Amino acid sequence: MMRVETFLQESAQRFPDKVALVAGSERVTYAALAERARRLATTLAERGVGRGDRVVVFADNSVEAVVAVFATLAAGGVFSLVNPSTKADKLAFIIGNCRPAGLVTQEKLAGVAAEALARAPLDAQARAPVPARIVVGDPSGVPGAIAYEDALASDAAPLPGPGIVLDLAMLVYTSGSTGFPKGVMMTHQNVHAAATSVSTYLEMSADDIVLCALPISFDYGLYQVLMSVLKGATLVIEKGFTFPQAVLNRVAEEAVTVLPLVPTMAALVLRMRDLAPGAYPTLRAITNTAAALPPSHIAQLQALFPATRLFSMYGLTECKRCTWLPPAELARRPDSVGVAIPGTEAWVVDEDGRRLGPGETGELVIRGPHVMAGYWENPEATAKALRPGPYPWERVLYTGDLFRTDADGFLYFVARKDDIIKTRGEKVSPKEVETVLYALPGVREAAVVGVEDPVLGQALKAIVALDPGSALGEREIRAHCARNLEDFMVPKHVSIVDALPKTDTGKISRRAAAELDAIQTHGRAA
């Protein structure tokens, strides 16, 4: 097993002059990337970041964000990438929760970062005052910060040994059923195991050119960085997938061989009218995870990319990847998410933890070296997710998702046990959105549910009851959410009702609200 910063160090030794990253017009070789990471690591260390300390990287897809990841690890720290659309309240929670010793951000995000730092709990500020504040661009918007270029100017002696593979490498904050994000703890061993397993079945090599239009704050996007650097491949990073044709133009320009997608992105590709079959001959693999692709979309993608193998996969942040479907099985099992990834095991259990046979529905359990170390400072949630395994020395991951298997052991996703909604490849806690809705004067009751959407897979719908006399409408409610939530958490639909259904204990029932709204919606449509 290797520490993750070693991925870059070894690839820089093997391929010093090879292009490691392409971002817009910028092209960075492995030698240059490693040197920037070393210099930034030195500055982080000089400013107090040491073994086990956290560094929040609040930035969009950029060379600087990638440098910050490897620099943090080289300094012995733990990186936490945060989506650039995150608002100050949530960023303040993350800062208060993980108490970082460093923050790397961008000038355009400086206002949000400064507000979050000021709002972080005083005990967190006292315990970790974030002395290492680095801003790409003008640092004046973040008190006490220095410019990224100045941080790269440091050229001190080599860093001391950073630690071992059992140390934490990263904290990935993911929405929880309580409405507060949980920090998923991944060790260097976890990351190396996952990156090695996935890159093995994808048959990745140094010859690959990977295009990532996914946010690298999303672990699917992050692993495009990690696997590419592990293999010595070239990574082309894009800011997003808003303009699919522009991204596909990059596929042609850069002779891209691997294109990771989520169902939302695949749906946008399939809506392109002028896309000719076989137009991208260099593309050898399209990968999909986050949610299962509909079989009809699989068939259309195969028709458009006849020489490209399609890898359908399933995963969750707590172990990165659970299953993969060999492309040869797509025709026979288009609705399956496959079998356990190499070096791991997956099975289905009932409520008592007993293994179930083919055709029976139960909770998916994952065993392997890629399973998280737990949730950061959340022993209750950790104990719920990590439970005793088949052997007395281990804990295995209970995913909270319902699956079944067929007679050959292939897995099929059925439903989610909790209320988490997956939209645009991201996990959203209804509670988190509802908290924001309740902060809007005039909203009396709120429930957020997922509704089927041909592009998003699931779209968020806010069902709200208003105070008497309130004049709030859908536009005002969505605008309020947009001001206070990440883009993917803003409800696409809003339904205003007189009252929301309750359980026997007086709690609002999301399921009943969704069912009632569906009946009313169909009635209006008829």
Protein backbone atom coordinates (compact mmCIF):
# COMPACT_ATOMS: atom_id res chain seq x y z
CA MET A 1 0.00 0.00 0.00
CA MET A 2 1.14 3.55 -0.79
CA ARG A 3 0.43 6.94 0.70
CA VAL A 4 -1.54 9.01 -1.78
CA GLU A 5 1.05 11.77 -2.29
CA THR A 6 3.37 9.02 -3.52
CA PHE A 7 1.11 8.66 -6.58
CA LEU A 8 2.36 12.03 -7.78
CA GLN A 9 5.94 11.62 -6.66
CA GLU A 10 6.36 8.32 -8.51
CA SER A 11 4.61 9.46 -11.69
CA ALA A 12 6.79 12.59 -11.71
CA GLN A 13 9.86 10.37 -11.59
CA ARG A 14 8.58 8.09 -14.35
CA PHE A 15 7.08 10.76 -16.64
CA PRO A 16 8.62 14.13 -15.71
CA ASP A 17 7.96 15.81 -19.06
CA LYS A 18 4.56 14.26 -19.72
CA VAL A 19 1.46 16.47 -19.45
CA ALA A 20 -0.33 15.58 -16.23
CA LEU A 21 -3.10 18.21 -16.26
CA VAL A 22 -4.88 20.20 -18.93
CA ALA A 23 -7.11 23.01 -17.67
CA GLY A 24 -8.32 25.41 -20.32
CA SER A 25 -5.21 26.62 -22.11
CA GLU A 26 -2.89 25.60 -19.25
CA ARG A 27 -0.86 22.40 -19.57
CA VAL A 28 1.14 21.21 -16.57
CA THR A 29 3.72 18.42 -16.68
CA TYR A 30 4.15 15.86 -13.94
CA ALA A 31 7.47 17.42 -12.90
CA ALA A 32 5.89 20.88 -12.61
CA LEU A 33 2.86 19.56 -10.75
CA ALA A 34 5.03 17.73 -8.24
CA GLU A 35 7.24 20.79 -7.73
CA ARG A 36 4.25 23.07 -7.10
CA ALA A 37 2.82 20.56 -4.62
CA ARG A 38 6.19 20.35 -2.81
CA ARG A 39 6.49 24.13 -2.53
CA LEU A 40 2.93 24.58 -1.30
CA ALA A 41 3.43 21.73 1.19
CA THR A 42 6.45 23.58 2.57
CA THR A 43 4.39 26.74 3.07
CA LEU A 44 1.56 24.81 4.73
CA ALA A 45 4.07 23.18 7.08
CA GLU A 46 5.73 26.51 7.85
CA ARG A 47 2.32 27.91 8.80
CA GLY A 48 1.48 25.09 11.18
CA VAL A 49 -0.06 22.27 9.15
CA GLY A 50 1.30 19.01 10.48
CA ARG A 51 0.50 15.33 10.62
CA GLY A 52 -3.23 14.74 10.89
CA ASP A 53 -4.19 18.41 10.52
CA ARG A 54 -7.06 19.21 8.18
CA VAL A 55 -6.91 21.58 5.22
CA VAL A 56 -10.13 22.73 3.57
CA VAL A 57 -9.82 23.24 -0.20
CA PHE A 58 -12.74 25.45 -1.22
CA ALA A 59 -12.30 25.79 -4.98
CA ASP A 60 -13.63 24.80 -8.37
CA ASN A 61 -12.00 22.40 -10.83
CA SER A 62 -8.54 23.91 -11.27
CA VAL A 63 -4.85 23.12 -11.30
CA GLU A 64 -4.52 24.96 -7.98
CA ALA A 65 -7.09 22.68 -6.31
CA VAL A 66 -5.21 19.58 -7.47
CA VAL A 67 -1.92 21.05 -6.24
CA ALA A 68 -3.53 21.80 -2.86
CA VAL A 69 -4.69 18.18 -2.48
CA PHE A 70 -1.22 16.70 -2.99
CA ALA A 71 0.48 19.49 -1.02
CA THR A 72 -1.73 18.84 1.99
CA LEU A 73 -0.88 15.14 1.90
CA ALA A 74 2.85 15.82 1.49
CA ALA A 75 2.72 18.00 4.60
CA GLY A 76 1.13 15.09 6.48
CA GLY A 77 -2.31 16.67 6.51
CA VAL A 78 -5.84 15.60 5.60
CA PHE A 79 -7.57 17.40 2.74
CA SER A 80 -11.27 18.18 2.52
CA LEU A 81 -12.51 19.41 -0.85
CA VAL A 82 -15.66 21.54 -0.64
CA ASN A 83 -17.98 22.29 -3.56
CA PRO A 84 -17.52 25.92 -4.71
CA SER A 85 -21.30 26.50 -4.68
CA THR A 86 -21.42 25.82 -0.93
CA LYS A 87 -22.89 28.71 1.05
CA ALA A 88 -21.32 30.31 4.11
CA ASP A 89 -23.54 28.58 6.68
CA LYS A 90 -22.61 25.09 5.52
CA LEU A 91 -18.94 25.97 5.06
CA ALA A 92 -18.95 27.39 8.61
CA PHE A 93 -20.36 24.08 9.85
CA ILE A 94 -17.61 22.14 8.06
CA ILE A 95 -14.92 24.45 9.45
CA GLY A 96 -16.38 24.15 12.92
CA ASN A 97 -16.63 20.38 12.61
CA CYS A 98 -13.18 19.51 11.27
CA ARG A 99 -11.29 22.50 12.75
CA PRO A 100 -8.84 22.94 9.86
CA ALA A 101 -5.34 24.27 10.24
CA GLY A 102 -5.40 25.48 6.65
CA LEU A 103 -7.74 26.88 4.01
CA VAL A 104 -7.04 27.15 0.29
CA THR A 105 -9.61 29.05 -1.75
CA GLN A 106 -10.05 31.38 -4.74
CA GLU A 107 -10.50 35.12 -4.98
CA LYS A 108 -14.04 34.74 -6.33
CA LEU A 109 -14.96 32.64 -3.26
CA ALA A 110 -13.14 34.84 -0.73
CA GLY A 111 -16.31 36.54 0.52
CA VAL A 112 -18.03 33.24 1.33
CA ALA A 113 -14.84 31.87 2.89
CA ALA A 114 -14.31 34.94 5.08
CA GLU A 115 -17.94 34.88 6.24
CA ALA A 116 -17.68 31.16 7.05
CA LEU A 117 -14.48 31.67 9.02
CA ALA A 118 -16.16 34.43 11.04
CA ARG A 119 -19.25 32.29 11.69
CA ALA A 120 -17.37 29.16 12.74
CA PRO A 121 -17.93 28.26 16.40
CA LEU A 122 -15.62 30.13 18.74
CA ASP A 123 -14.30 26.93 20.29
CA ALA A 124 -13.30 25.71 16.84
CA GLN A 125 -11.57 29.00 16.09
CA ALA A 126 -9.73 28.84 19.40
CA ARG A 127 -8.61 25.24 18.89
CA ALA A 128 -7.63 25.71 15.24
CA PRO A 129 -7.40 29.36 14.16
CA VAL A 130 -6.55 28.41 10.55
CA PRO A 131 -3.17 30.13 10.32
CA ALA A 132 -2.54 28.78 6.82
CA ARG A 133 -4.94 30.80 4.66
CA ILE A 134 -4.07 30.83 0.97
CA VAL A 135 -6.06 32.49 -1.82
CA VAL A 136 -5.64 32.02 -5.55
CA GLY A 137 -5.70 35.63 -6.73
CA ASP A 138 -6.03 38.70 -4.50
CA PRO A 139 -5.90 37.48 -0.87
CA SER A 140 -7.23 40.70 0.68
CA GLY A 141 -10.77 39.32 0.95
CA VAL A 142 -9.70 36.73 3.53
CA PRO A 143 -8.10 38.18 6.68
CA GLY A 144 -4.63 36.84 7.32
CA ALA A 145 -4.35 35.14 3.94
CA ILE A 146 -1.43 35.11 1.54
CA ALA A 147 -1.52 34.77 -2.24
CA TYR A 148 -1.15 31.35 -3.80
CA GLU A 149 1.78 32.55 -5.91
CA ASP A 150 3.56 33.72 -2.76
CA ALA A 151 2.89 30.34 -1.15
CA LEU A 152 4.68 28.67 -4.07
CA ALA A 153 7.74 30.84 -3.54
CA SER A 154 8.87 28.85 -0.52
CA ASP A 155 11.78 26.52 -1.21
CA ALA A 156 12.83 25.27 2.22
CA ALA A 157 14.46 21.96 3.10
CA PRO A 158 12.68 18.69 2.23
CA LEU A 159 9.63 17.90 4.35
CA PRO A 160 9.92 15.30 7.12
CA GLY A 161 8.29 11.90 6.65
CA PRO A 162 4.53 12.52 6.68
CA GLY A 163 3.26 9.26 8.21
CA ILE A 164 1.92 5.82 7.26
CA VAL A 165 -0.92 4.39 5.17
CA LEU A 166 -3.23 4.06 8.17
CA ASP A 167 -3.31 7.85 8.57
CA LEU A 168 -6.28 9.80 7.27
CA ALA A 169 -5.90 11.13 3.75
CA MET A 170 -9.20 12.92 3.28
CA LEU A 171 -12.51 13.97 4.79
CA VAL A 172 -15.42 13.99 2.36
CA TYR A 173 -18.49 15.77 3.67
CA THR A 174 -21.71 14.12 2.59
CA SER A 175 -25.30 14.92 3.50
CA GLY A 176 -26.79 12.97 6.40
CA SER A 177 -30.34 12.12 7.38
CA THR A 178 -30.09 14.59 10.29
CA GLY A 179 -29.60 17.47 7.89
CA PHE A 180 -25.99 18.03 8.93
CA PRO A 181 -23.19 16.85 6.64
CA LYS A 182 -21.02 14.00 7.91
CA GLY A 183 -17.28 13.82 7.37
CA VAL A 184 -16.41 10.48 5.78
CA MET A 185 -12.91 9.50 6.94
CA MET A 186 -10.77 7.80 4.29
CA THR A 187 -7.26 6.60 5.07
CA HIS A 188 -4.40 6.42 2.59
CA GLN A 189 -4.96 2.66 2.55
CA ASN A 190 -8.65 3.15 1.71
CA VAL A 191 -7.85 5.51 -1.15
CA HIS A 192 -5.07 3.36 -2.59
CA ALA A 193 -7.23 0.23 -2.43
CA ALA A 194 -10.16 1.93 -4.17
CA ALA A 195 -8.06 3.67 -6.82
CA THR A 196 -6.17 0.45 -7.60
CA SER A 197 -9.29 -1.71 -7.82
CA VAL A 198 -11.26 0.68 -10.01
CA SER A 199 -8.36 1.54 -12.33
CA THR A 200 -7.67 -2.19 -12.73
CA TYR A 201 -11.10 -3.17 -14.09
CA LEU A 202 -11.20 0.00 -16.18
CA GLU A 203 -7.84 -1.13 -17.61
CA MET A 204 -6.36 2.32 -17.11
CA SER A 205 -2.77 2.99 -18.10
CA ALA A 206 -0.32 5.82 -18.68
CA ASP A 207 -1.59 5.98 -22.26
CA ASP A 208 -5.04 7.16 -21.15
CA ILE A 209 -6.34 10.70 -21.47
CA VAL A 210 -9.24 11.22 -19.05
CA LEU A 211 -11.69 14.10 -19.29
CA CYS A 212 -13.34 15.12 -16.02
CA ALA A 213 -16.26 17.55 -16.15
CA LEU A 214 -17.48 16.36 -12.75
CA PRO A 215 -16.74 18.50 -9.68
CA ILE A 216 -13.58 17.17 -8.07
CA SER A 217 -15.24 17.94 -4.73
CA PHE A 218 -17.54 15.01 -5.64
CA ASP A 219 -15.67 11.76 -4.98
CA TYR A 220 -16.37 10.40 -8.47
CA GLY A 221 -14.64 13.47 -9.88
CA LEU A 222 -11.90 13.36 -7.25
CA TYR A 223 -10.99 9.79 -8.14
CA GLN A 224 -10.48 10.79 -11.76
CA VAL A 225 -7.63 12.93 -10.40
CA LEU A 226 -6.29 10.23 -8.10
CA MET A 227 -6.46 7.37 -10.60
CA SER A 228 -4.96 9.43 -13.42
CA VAL A 229 -2.01 10.45 -11.25
CA LEU A 230 -1.61 6.90 -9.93
CA LYS A 231 -1.32 5.57 -13.48
CA GLY A 232 0.61 8.48 -14.96
CA ALA A 233 -2.25 9.30 -17.32
CA THR A 234 -3.21 12.77 -18.58
CA LEU A 235 -6.26 14.43 -17.01
CA VAL A 236 -8.27 17.12 -18.78
CA ILE A 237 -10.38 19.01 -16.25
CA GLU A 238 -13.41 21.09 -17.19
CA LYS A 239 -15.41 23.47 -14.99
CA GLY A 240 -18.65 21.62 -15.67
CA PHE A 241 -20.99 20.04 -18.22
CA THR A 242 -23.27 23.01 -18.88
CA PHE A 243 -22.37 22.97 -22.58
CA PRO A 244 -22.09 19.30 -23.65
CA GLN A 245 -20.94 20.13 -27.17
CA ALA A 246 -18.00 22.13 -25.82
CA VAL A 247 -16.98 19.16 -23.66
CA LEU A 248 -17.26 16.75 -26.58
CA ASN A 249 -15.18 19.15 -28.66
CA ARG A 250 -12.49 18.75 -26.00
CA VAL A 251 -12.81 14.98 -26.30
CA ALA A 252 -11.90 15.31 -29.97
CA GLU A 253 -9.21 17.97 -29.50
CA GLU A 254 -7.38 16.08 -26.74
CA ALA A 255 -7.98 12.56 -28.14
CA VAL A 256 -9.68 11.61 -24.88
CA THR A 257 -9.89 7.89 -24.10
CA VAL A 258 -11.99 7.82 -20.89
CA LEU A 259 -15.08 9.92 -20.21
CA PRO A 260 -16.78 9.63 -16.78
CA LEU A 261 -20.46 10.58 -16.71
CA VAL A 262 -23.40 10.58 -14.34
CA PRO A 263 -26.95 9.92 -15.62
CA THR A 264 -27.73 13.64 -15.80
CA MET A 265 -24.80 14.20 -18.15
CA ALA A 266 -25.66 11.13 -20.21
CA ALA A 267 -29.21 12.43 -20.66
CA LEU A 268 -27.86 15.76 -21.94
CA VAL A 269 -25.62 13.96 -24.44
CA LEU A 270 -28.57 11.93 -25.70
CA ARG A 271 -30.56 15.13 -26.30
CA MET A 272 -27.95 16.40 -28.77
CA ARG A 273 -29.50 16.18 -32.23
CA ASP A 274 -26.39 16.43 -34.39
CA LEU A 275 -24.29 13.79 -32.63
CA ALA A 276 -23.18 11.24 -35.23
CA PRO A 277 -22.48 7.62 -34.24
CA GLY A 278 -18.77 6.88 -34.06
CA ALA A 279 -17.77 10.54 -34.08
CA TYR A 280 -15.25 10.09 -31.25
CA PRO A 281 -13.07 7.11 -32.20
CA THR A 282 -10.41 7.66 -29.50
CA LEU A 283 -12.95 7.18 -26.71
CA ARG A 284 -12.43 3.65 -25.43
CA ALA A 285 -14.48 3.85 -22.21
CA ILE A 286 -17.47 5.72 -20.79
CA THR A 287 -18.03 5.21 -17.08
CA ASN A 288 -21.19 5.85 -15.08
CA THR A 289 -21.96 5.86 -11.39
CA ALA A 290 -23.93 7.92 -8.82
CA ALA A 291 -27.18 6.33 -10.07
CA ALA A 292 -28.04 3.56 -12.50
CA LEU A 293 -28.49 4.46 -16.14
CA PRO A 294 -31.92 3.55 -17.54
CA PRO A 295 -31.60 0.60 -19.97
CA SER A 296 -32.94 2.81 -22.78
CA HIS A 297 -30.11 5.28 -22.21
CA ILE A 298 -27.57 2.46 -22.23
CA ALA A 299 -28.84 1.30 -25.62
CA GLN A 300 -28.71 4.83 -27.04
CA LEU A 301 -25.19 5.45 -25.74
CA GLN A 302 -23.99 2.19 -27.26
CA ALA A 303 -25.48 3.22 -30.61
CA LEU A 304 -23.78 6.62 -30.48
CA PHE A 305 -20.44 5.25 -29.27
CA PRO A 306 -20.24 1.82 -30.95
CA ALA A 307 -16.50 1.37 -30.39
CA THR A 308 -16.64 2.52 -26.75
CA ARG A 309 -17.12 0.21 -23.78
CA LEU A 310 -19.69 1.37 -21.24
CA PHE A 311 -18.96 0.65 -17.57
CA SER A 312 -22.06 0.79 -15.38
CA MET A 313 -21.17 1.05 -11.67
CA TYR A 314 -22.60 1.73 -8.24
CA GLY A 315 -20.91 3.41 -5.31
CA LEU A 316 -21.22 5.61 -2.28
CA THR A 317 -18.85 7.97 -0.55
CA GLU A 318 -18.30 5.60 2.37
CA CYS A 319 -16.35 3.15 0.21
CA LYS A 320 -15.97 5.00 -3.09
CA ARG A 321 -17.15 2.12 -5.32
CA CYS A 322 -19.16 -0.98 -4.50
CA THR A 323 -19.89 -2.75 -7.78
CA TRP A 324 -19.15 -2.76 -11.49
CA LEU A 325 -20.85 -4.42 -14.44
CA PRO A 326 -18.45 -5.90 -17.01
CA PRO A 327 -19.37 -4.35 -20.39
CA ALA A 328 -19.87 -7.82 -21.86
CA GLU A 329 -22.84 -8.26 -19.49
CA LEU A 330 -24.68 -5.09 -20.52
CA ALA A 331 -26.80 -6.79 -23.16
CA ARG A 332 -27.89 -9.54 -20.77
CA ARG A 333 -28.32 -7.48 -17.61
CA PRO A 334 -28.76 -3.80 -18.56
CA ASP A 335 -30.51 -3.01 -15.28
CA SER A 336 -27.83 -4.59 -13.07
CA VAL A 337 -25.04 -2.67 -11.35
CA GLY A 338 -22.83 -5.75 -11.46
CA VAL A 339 -20.69 -7.53 -8.93
CA ALA A 340 -18.29 -6.46 -6.18
CA ILE A 341 -15.22 -4.61 -7.43
CA PRO A 342 -11.94 -6.59 -7.41
CA GLY A 343 -10.54 -7.33 -3.97
CA THR A 344 -13.86 -6.77 -2.16
CA GLU A 345 -17.08 -8.58 -1.32
CA ALA A 346 -20.75 -7.55 -1.48
CA TRP A 347 -23.87 -9.33 -0.31
CA VAL A 348 -27.49 -8.69 0.71
CA VAL A 349 -28.88 -9.21 4.22
CA ASP A 350 -32.22 -9.05 6.00
CA GLU A 351 -32.95 -6.87 9.03
CA ASP A 352 -31.28 -9.44 11.29
CA GLY A 353 -28.08 -9.50 9.24
CA ARG A 354 -28.72 -12.91 7.65
CA ARG A 355 -27.59 -13.33 4.05
CA LEU A 356 -30.40 -13.52 1.54
CA GLY A 357 -30.67 -15.63 -1.57
CA PRO A 358 -31.38 -14.71 -5.19
CA GLY A 359 -34.47 -12.60 -5.72
CA GLU A 360 -34.80 -11.54 -2.09
CA THR A 361 -34.57 -7.84 -1.25
CA GLY A 362 -32.42 -6.61 1.62
CA GLU A 363 -29.65 -4.20 2.60
CA LEU A 364 -26.38 -4.21 0.68
CA VAL A 365 -23.28 -4.90 2.77
CA ILE A 366 -19.72 -4.18 1.59
CA ARG A 367 -16.49 -5.74 2.85
CA GLY A 368 -13.04 -4.62 1.74
CA PRO A 369 -9.99 -2.39 2.28
CA HIS A 370 -11.83 0.52 0.63
CA VAL A 371 -14.43 0.82 3.42
CA MET A 372 -14.18 4.10 5.33
CA ALA A 373 -12.64 4.43 8.78
CA GLY A 374 -15.88 6.00 10.02
CA TYR A 375 -17.56 9.40 10.30
CA TRP A 376 -15.48 12.23 11.75
CA GLU A 377 -16.26 12.63 15.46
CA ASN A 378 -19.64 10.93 15.03
CA PRO A 379 -19.49 7.59 16.84
CA GLU A 380 -23.26 7.06 16.72
CA ALA A 381 -23.44 7.31 12.92
CA THR A 382 -20.25 5.26 12.60
CA ALA A 383 -21.66 2.44 14.72
CA LYS A 384 -24.80 2.37 12.57
CA ALA A 385 -22.86 2.11 9.32
CA LEU A 386 -19.89 -0.05 10.37
CA ARG A 387 -21.00 -3.26 12.08
CA PRO A 388 -19.40 -6.61 12.95
CA GLY A 389 -18.54 -8.67 9.88
CA PRO A 390 -18.16 -12.38 9.24
CA TYR A 391 -14.93 -12.42 11.26
CA PRO A 392 -14.32 -11.10 14.77
CA TRP A 393 -11.55 -8.68 13.79
CA GLU A 394 -13.51 -6.56 11.29
CA ARG A 395 -16.30 -4.14 10.63
CA VAL A 396 -18.23 -4.09 7.35
CA LEU A 397 -20.27 -1.33 5.74
CA TYR A 398 -24.05 -1.41 5.85
CA THR A 399 -24.94 0.85 2.96
CA GLY A 400 -28.54 1.66 3.84
CA ASP A 401 -29.56 0.79 0.28
CA LEU A 402 -31.88 -2.04 -0.73
CA PHE A 403 -30.68 -4.56 -3.33
CA ARG A 404 -31.41 -8.02 -4.68
CA THR A 405 -29.26 -10.54 -6.55
CA ASP A 406 -29.98 -12.84 -9.46
CA ALA A 407 -29.09 -16.52 -9.71
CA ASP A 408 -25.59 -15.63 -10.96
CA GLY A 409 -24.86 -13.23 -8.10
CA PHE A 410 -25.30 -9.98 -10.05
CA LEU A 411 -26.70 -7.12 -7.98
CA TYR A 412 -29.72 -4.92 -8.70
CA PHE A 413 -30.51 -1.65 -6.93
CA VAL A 414 -34.07 -1.54 -5.54
CA ALA A 415 -34.43 1.55 -3.33
CA ARG A 416 -32.83 3.61 -0.56
CA LYS A 417 -33.66 2.87 3.03
CA ASP A 418 -33.33 6.45 4.15
CA ASP A 419 -34.67 9.67 2.70
CA ILE A 420 -31.51 10.79 0.93
CA ILE A 421 -32.26 11.96 -2.61
CA LYS A 422 -29.70 11.62 -5.40
CA THR A 423 -29.95 14.34 -8.01
CA ARG A 424 -27.40 15.48 -10.59
CA GLY A 425 -25.00 12.89 -9.19
CA GLU A 426 -25.10 14.45 -5.69
CA LYS A 427 -26.70 13.24 -2.48
CA VAL A 428 -29.14 15.66 -0.92
CA SER A 429 -30.63 15.52 2.56
CA PRO A 430 -34.28 16.68 2.49
CA LYS A 431 -33.82 17.88 6.05
CA GLU A 432 -31.08 20.30 5.00
CA VAL A 433 -33.28 21.87 2.31
CA GLU A 434 -36.28 21.95 4.63
CA THR A 435 -34.24 23.84 7.23
CA VAL A 436 -33.61 26.56 4.66
CA LEU A 437 -37.28 26.61 3.63
CA TYR A 438 -38.37 27.07 7.22
CA ALA A 439 -36.09 30.10 7.46
CA LEU A 440 -38.23 31.90 4.86
CA PRO A 441 -40.93 34.04 6.52
CA GLY A 442 -44.34 32.80 5.46
CA VAL A 443 -43.46 29.08 5.24
CA ARG A 444 -45.36 27.12 7.85
CA GLU A 445 -44.62 23.52 6.90
CA ALA A 446 -42.23 21.98 4.40
CA ALA A 447 -41.33 18.60 2.99
CA VAL A 448 -38.77 17.94 0.29
CA VAL A 449 -39.14 14.83 -1.85
CA GLY A 450 -37.62 13.36 -4.98
CA VAL A 451 -39.67 13.04 -8.15
CA GLU A 452 -38.72 11.19 -11.31
CA ASP A 453 -37.02 13.36 -13.91
CA PRO A 454 -35.82 12.25 -17.38
CA VAL A 455 -32.61 14.31 -17.12
CA LEU A 456 -31.81 14.49 -13.40
CA GLY A 457 -32.89 10.96 -12.50
CA GLN A 458 -34.62 12.53 -9.53
CA ALA A 459 -35.52 16.18 -9.17
CA LEU A 460 -36.12 17.94 -5.87
CA LYS A 461 -39.66 19.05 -5.14
CA ALA A 462 -40.56 21.28 -2.20
CA ILE A 463 -44.08 20.83 -0.87
CA VAL A 464 -44.93 23.71 1.42
CA ALA A 465 -47.84 25.05 3.44
CA LEU A 466 -47.89 28.80 4.02
CA ASP A 467 -48.94 31.01 6.89
CA PRO A 468 -52.42 32.56 6.48
CA GLY A 469 -52.22 35.62 4.28
CA SER A 470 -48.75 34.82 2.91
CA ALA A 471 -48.30 35.83 -0.72
CA LEU A 472 -45.23 33.68 -1.34
CA GLY A 473 -45.08 32.00 -4.73
CA GLU A 474 -42.87 29.41 -6.40
CA ARG A 475 -40.47 32.05 -7.74
CA GLU A 476 -39.82 33.59 -4.31
CA ILE A 477 -39.36 30.20 -2.67
CA ARG A 478 -36.87 28.97 -5.29
CA ALA A 479 -34.98 32.29 -5.19
CA HIS A 480 -34.62 31.99 -1.40
CA CYS A 481 -33.25 28.46 -1.79
CA ALA A 482 -30.82 29.59 -4.48
CA ARG A 483 -29.44 32.24 -2.12
CA ASN A 484 -28.84 29.74 0.66
CA LEU A 485 -28.07 26.38 -0.93
CA GLU A 486 -25.69 24.80 -3.41
CA ASP A 487 -27.05 24.73 -6.96
CA PHE A 488 -27.88 21.02 -6.92
CA MET A 489 -29.91 21.42 -3.70
CA VAL A 490 -32.32 24.04 -5.06
CA PRO A 491 -35.77 22.46 -5.68
CA LYS A 492 -36.71 22.26 -9.33
CA HIS A 493 -40.42 22.17 -8.43
CA VAL A 494 -42.50 23.82 -5.70
CA SER A 495 -46.00 22.81 -4.73
CA ILE A 496 -48.07 24.94 -2.33
CA VAL A 497 -50.70 23.09 -0.29
CA ASP A 498 -53.03 23.88 2.59
CA ALA A 499 -51.38 21.44 5.01
CA LEU A 500 -48.97 18.53 4.99
CA PRO A 501 -49.94 15.03 6.16
CA LYS A 502 -48.68 13.91 9.57
CA THR A 503 -47.79 10.62 11.19
CA ASP A 504 -49.50 9.39 14.35
CA THR A 505 -46.79 11.08 16.38
CA GLY A 506 -47.44 14.43 14.71
CA LYS A 507 -44.41 14.41 12.44
CA ILE A 508 -44.71 15.48 8.81
CA SER A 509 -44.65 12.40 6.59
CA ARG A 510 -42.55 12.97 3.47
CA ARG A 511 -43.82 9.75 1.90
CA ALA A 512 -47.46 10.63 2.46
CA ALA A 513 -46.83 14.18 1.25
CA ALA A 514 -45.23 12.85 -1.95
CA GLU A 515 -48.09 10.42 -2.56
CA LEU A 516 -50.74 13.08 -1.98
CA ASP A 517 -48.91 15.55 -4.22
CA ALA A 518 -48.60 12.94 -6.99
CA ILE A 519 -52.35 12.30 -6.85
CA GLN A 520 -53.12 16.01 -6.97
CA THR A 521 -50.61 16.61 -9.78
CA HIS A 522 -52.05 13.82 -11.90
CA GLY A 523 -55.53 15.12 -11.18
CA ARG A 524 -54.61 18.60 -12.41
CA ALA A 525 -52.91 17.13 -15.47
CA ALA A 526 -56.02 15.12 -16.34
